[in-house]
Amino acid sequence: MKYAENRTETRREDWSTPKELFDYLDTYFGFEVDLAADGVNTKCDMFYNLEIDFFRQPVLRNRCWCNPPYGRDHNKIWPIRLMEYPNIVVLHQASVGANWFQVFFEKSDLICFPKGRIQFEGAPAKAQFDSVLVVRLSDKSELPGCARHLEVLGPVVKKP
C-alpha cells in the first residue's frame, strides 16, 4: 500500500526545488527570476506563475532559474521555450532518449547529471527518475568556472 501511495503522489507535476540544491546553485549564478513558480514555492523575488504566463512574456536576459512542471504535455513545449533564454539553469528529469531532451542537449552550454536522485520539497521520497541541470550562459568565458561549480553535484558534459 505504501508503494501505491508514493506512486500516486509522485505523479504530481509541480514539485518544488530542494532549498539546499537551489542555494548551492544560486551562490554561483545569482538567480534573478524563477520562471515556473507560485507565491509559495518561488526561489526568487521575481517569478512567473500561472497568472503571469511564462509563454506570453518576452525572453529575459536576467539570470533565470526554472524547475518546470514535468509530464508528457509539458515536456513537449517547455524545453523549446526555455532554450530561448540566454542565461538560464533548468532542473529537469533526465530522459536522454526523448525528443524534447535533444532540444536541451543541442541548445545548452553545459549539462550536469547530479549524483543520486533528488528529493523535492514536500515529496514523501526521492524522485523515481534521474535529474539533469541544463545550463545556457551568454558569457561563454564563465563556462569553465560554472563547470567546476557543477562538478561538485555530478558529472558535467561540456559542449565544444
Foldseek 3Di string as FASTA:
>chain_A
DVVVVLVVVLVWFDFAADPVVVVLLCVQQVAAEEEEDDPPRDPHPHYAYPVNDSVPDDADQTQYEYAHGDDDVCLVPVLVSVLVHQHYKYKYFCPPVDPSVVSLVVSFFKKFFFPDFDDTPPRPDGRPTTIMITGHHNPCVCVVVSLVSRVVRGDMDGDD
